[in-house]
Amino acid sequence: MAKTAISLDAELVVEVMVLAGVGNPQDAVELVVRDYIARGHRTEARVAARDETRREDETRPSDTQG
């Protein structure tokens, strides 16, 4: 896997390390990035499920035809 080197504010990294409960800045930043990606995937899945439900509701015939 390719590696990328970036500069971050030390206070931000320390705060992430404390919140994540890790002692290594590399691990802390990787956890944050992985969590961000996972949240994005969960959001996409919820939106897709909601859209699918709406499509099903729109194609269902109405019960109140008379």
N, C-alpha and C. Protein backbone atom coordinates (compact mmCIF):
# COMPACT_ATOMS: atom_id res chain seq x y z
N MET A 1 0.84 -1.16 0.00
CA MET A 1 0.00 0.00 0.00
C MET A 1 0.89 1.24 0.00
N ALA A 2 0.54 2.21 -0.80
CA ALA A 2 1.30 3.45 -0.87
C ALA A 2 1.10 4.26 0.40
N LYS A 3 2.10 4.98 0.79
CA LYS A 3 2.04 5.82 1.99
C LYS A 3 2.09 7.28 1.59
N THR A 4 1.43 8.12 2.38
CA THR A 4 1.43 9.55 2.15
C THR A 4 1.88 10.25 3.42
N ALA A 5 2.76 11.21 3.29
CA ALA A 5 3.23 11.97 4.45
C ALA A 5 2.56 13.34 4.41
N ILE A 6 1.95 13.73 5.53
CA ILE A 6 1.30 15.05 5.64
C ILE A 6 1.67 15.68 6.97
N SER A 7 1.49 16.99 7.04
CA SER A 7 1.73 17.71 8.28
C SER A 7 0.39 18.06 8.91
N LEU A 8 0.27 17.80 10.21
CA LEU A 8 -0.95 18.12 10.94
C LEU A 8 -0.60 18.89 12.20
N ASP A 9 -1.54 19.68 12.66
CA ASP A 9 -1.39 20.41 13.91
C ASP A 9 -1.23 19.39 15.04
N ALA A 10 -0.18 19.51 15.81
CA ALA A 10 0.13 18.54 16.87
C ALA A 10 -1.00 18.45 17.90
N GLU A 11 -1.64 19.57 18.21
CA GLU A 11 -2.73 19.55 19.18
C GLU A 11 -3.90 18.72 18.68
N LEU A 12 -4.19 18.80 17.37
CA LEU A 12 -5.27 18.00 16.80
C LEU A 12 -4.95 16.51 16.91
N VAL A 13 -3.73 16.18 16.59
CA VAL A 13 -3.33 14.77 16.63
C VAL A 13 -3.37 14.23 18.06
N VAL A 14 -2.91 15.01 19.01
CA VAL A 14 -2.94 14.57 20.41
C VAL A 14 -4.38 14.39 20.87
N GLU A 15 -5.27 15.30 20.48
CA GLU A 15 -6.67 15.17 20.87
C GLU A 15 -7.29 13.91 20.26
N VAL A 16 -6.99 13.62 19.02
CA VAL A 16 -7.48 12.40 18.39
C VAL A 16 -6.92 11.17 19.08
N MET A 17 -5.65 11.21 19.44
CA MET A 17 -5.03 10.08 20.13
C MET A 17 -5.75 9.81 21.45
N VAL A 18 -6.07 10.87 22.18
CA VAL A 18 -6.76 10.72 23.47
C VAL A 18 -8.16 10.16 23.25
N LEU A 19 -8.90 10.75 22.31
CA LEU A 19 -10.27 10.30 22.05
C LEU A 19 -10.32 8.87 21.54
N ALA A 20 -9.36 8.50 20.70
CA ALA A 20 -9.34 7.16 20.13
C ALA A 20 -8.70 6.15 21.06
N GLY A 21 -7.98 6.62 22.06
CA GLY A 21 -7.33 5.71 23.00
C GLY A 21 -6.14 5.00 22.41
N VAL A 22 -5.43 5.67 21.52
CA VAL A 22 -4.23 5.07 20.92
C VAL A 22 -3.02 5.92 21.29
N GLY A 23 -1.86 5.30 21.28
CA GLY A 23 -0.64 6.00 21.66
C GLY A 23 0.25 6.37 20.50
N ASN A 24 -0.23 6.16 19.29
CA ASN A 24 0.59 6.39 18.12
C ASN A 24 -0.14 7.36 17.18
N PRO A 25 0.49 8.47 16.80
CA PRO A 25 -0.18 9.44 15.92
C PRO A 25 -0.63 8.82 14.59
N GLN A 26 0.18 7.95 14.02
CA GLN A 26 -0.16 7.28 12.76
C GLN A 26 -1.47 6.50 12.91
N ASP A 27 -1.57 5.71 13.97
CA ASP A 27 -2.77 4.91 14.20
C ASP A 27 -3.99 5.81 14.43
N ALA A 28 -3.80 6.90 15.16
CA ALA A 28 -4.91 7.80 15.44
C ALA A 28 -5.47 8.40 14.16
N VAL A 29 -4.60 8.87 13.29
CA VAL A 29 -5.06 9.48 12.04
C VAL A 29 -5.70 8.42 11.15
N GLU A 30 -5.14 7.24 11.08
CA GLU A 30 -5.74 6.17 10.28
C GLU A 30 -7.13 5.81 10.79
N LEU A 31 -7.31 5.77 12.11
CA LEU A 31 -8.63 5.48 12.68
C LEU A 31 -9.65 6.53 12.27
N VAL A 32 -9.25 7.79 12.31
CA VAL A 32 -10.16 8.87 11.94
C VAL A 32 -10.56 8.76 10.47
N VAL A 33 -9.60 8.52 9.62
CA VAL A 33 -9.88 8.40 8.19
C VAL A 33 -10.77 7.19 7.91
N ARG A 34 -10.46 6.06 8.53
CA ARG A 34 -11.27 4.86 8.32
C ARG A 34 -12.69 5.06 8.84
N ASP A 35 -12.84 5.73 9.98
CA ASP A 35 -14.16 6.02 10.52
C ASP A 35 -14.94 6.93 9.58
N TYR A 36 -14.28 7.93 9.03
CA TYR A 36 -14.92 8.86 8.09
C TYR A 36 -15.43 8.11 6.86
N ILE A 37 -14.62 7.22 6.34
CA ILE A 37 -15.01 6.44 5.17
C ILE A 37 -16.18 5.51 5.51
N ALA A 38 -16.12 4.86 6.66
CA ALA A 38 -17.20 3.96 7.07
C ALA A 38 -18.50 4.72 7.24
N ARG A 39 -18.45 5.91 7.81
CA ARG A 39 -19.66 6.72 7.96
C ARG A 39 -20.24 7.07 6.60
N GLY A 40 -19.38 7.39 5.66
CA GLY A 40 -19.84 7.70 4.32
C GLY A 40 -20.55 6.51 3.68
N HIS A 41 -19.99 5.32 3.87
CA HIS A 41 -20.61 4.12 3.32
C HIS A 41 -21.96 3.84 3.99
N ARG A 42 -22.03 4.05 5.31
CA ARG A 42 -23.30 3.83 6.00
C ARG A 42 -24.35 4.84 5.53
N THR A 43 -23.94 6.07 5.32
CA THR A 43 -24.87 7.09 4.84
C THR A 43 -25.37 6.74 3.45
N GLU A 44 -24.47 6.31 2.58
CA GLU A 44 -24.87 5.90 1.22
C GLU A 44 -25.86 4.75 1.29
N ALA A 45 -25.64 3.80 2.17
CA ALA A 45 -26.54 2.65 2.29
C ALA A 45 -27.91 3.09 2.79
N ARG A 46 -27.97 4.00 3.77
CA ARG A 46 -29.26 4.48 4.27
C ARG A 46 -30.02 5.23 3.20
N VAL A 47 -29.32 6.08 2.45
CA VAL A 47 -29.97 6.85 1.39
C VAL A 47 -30.50 5.92 0.30
N ALA A 48 -29.71 4.93 -0.06
CA ALA A 48 -30.14 3.97 -1.08
C ALA A 48 -31.37 3.20 -0.60
N ALA A 49 -31.38 2.78 0.64
CA ALA A 49 -32.52 2.04 1.19
C ALA A 49 -33.76 2.93 1.22
N ARG A 50 -33.60 4.18 1.62
CA ARG A 50 -34.72 5.11 1.66
C ARG A 50 -35.27 5.35 0.25
N ASP A 51 -34.38 5.54 -0.71
CA ASP A 51 -34.80 5.76 -2.09
C ASP A 51 -35.52 4.53 -2.64
N GLU A 52 -35.04 3.34 -2.30
CA GLU A 52 -35.67 2.10 -2.76
C GLU A 52 -37.08 1.99 -2.18
N THR A 53 -37.24 2.34 -0.91
CA THR A 53 -38.56 2.30 -0.28
C THR A 53 -39.50 3.28 -0.96
N ARG A 54 -39.02 4.47 -1.27
CA ARG A 54 -39.86 5.46 -1.97
C ARG A 54 -40.28 4.95 -3.34
N ARG A 55 -39.36 4.33 -4.07
CA ARG A 55 -39.70 3.81 -5.40
C ARG A 55 -40.76 2.72 -5.28
N GLU A 56 -40.63 1.86 -4.27
CA GLU A 56 -41.61 0.80 -4.07
C GLU A 56 -42.98 1.39 -3.74
N ASP A 57 -43.01 2.43 -2.91
CA ASP A 57 -44.27 3.08 -2.55
C ASP A 57 -44.91 3.75 -3.75
N GLU A 58 -44.10 4.31 -4.63
CA GLU A 58 -44.64 5.00 -5.81
C GLU A 58 -45.21 4.02 -6.83
N THR A 59 -44.65 2.83 -6.91
CA THR A 59 -45.11 1.86 -7.90
C THR A 59 -46.24 0.99 -7.38
N ARG A 60 -46.51 1.02 -6.08
CA ARG A 60 -47.58 0.22 -5.49
C ARG A 60 -48.92 0.84 -5.85
N PRO A 61 -49.89 0.05 -6.32
CA PRO A 61 -51.20 0.63 -6.67
C PRO A 61 -51.94 1.12 -5.42
N SER A 62 -52.72 2.13 -5.59
CA SER A 62 -53.47 2.71 -4.49
C SER A 62 -54.63 1.81 -4.11
N ASP A 63 -54.90 1.68 -2.82
CA ASP A 63 -56.00 0.85 -2.34
C ASP A 63 -57.36 1.56 -2.41
N THR A 64 -57.33 2.87 -2.59
CA THR A 64 -58.56 3.64 -2.52
C THR A 64 -59.08 4.02 -3.90
N GLN A 65 -59.17 3.05 -4.78
CA GLN A 65 -59.78 3.31 -6.09
C GLN A 65 -61.21 2.82 -6.04
N GLY A 66 -62.13 3.61 -6.56
CA GLY A 66 -63.46 3.17 -6.37
C GLY A 66 -64.33 3.39 -7.48
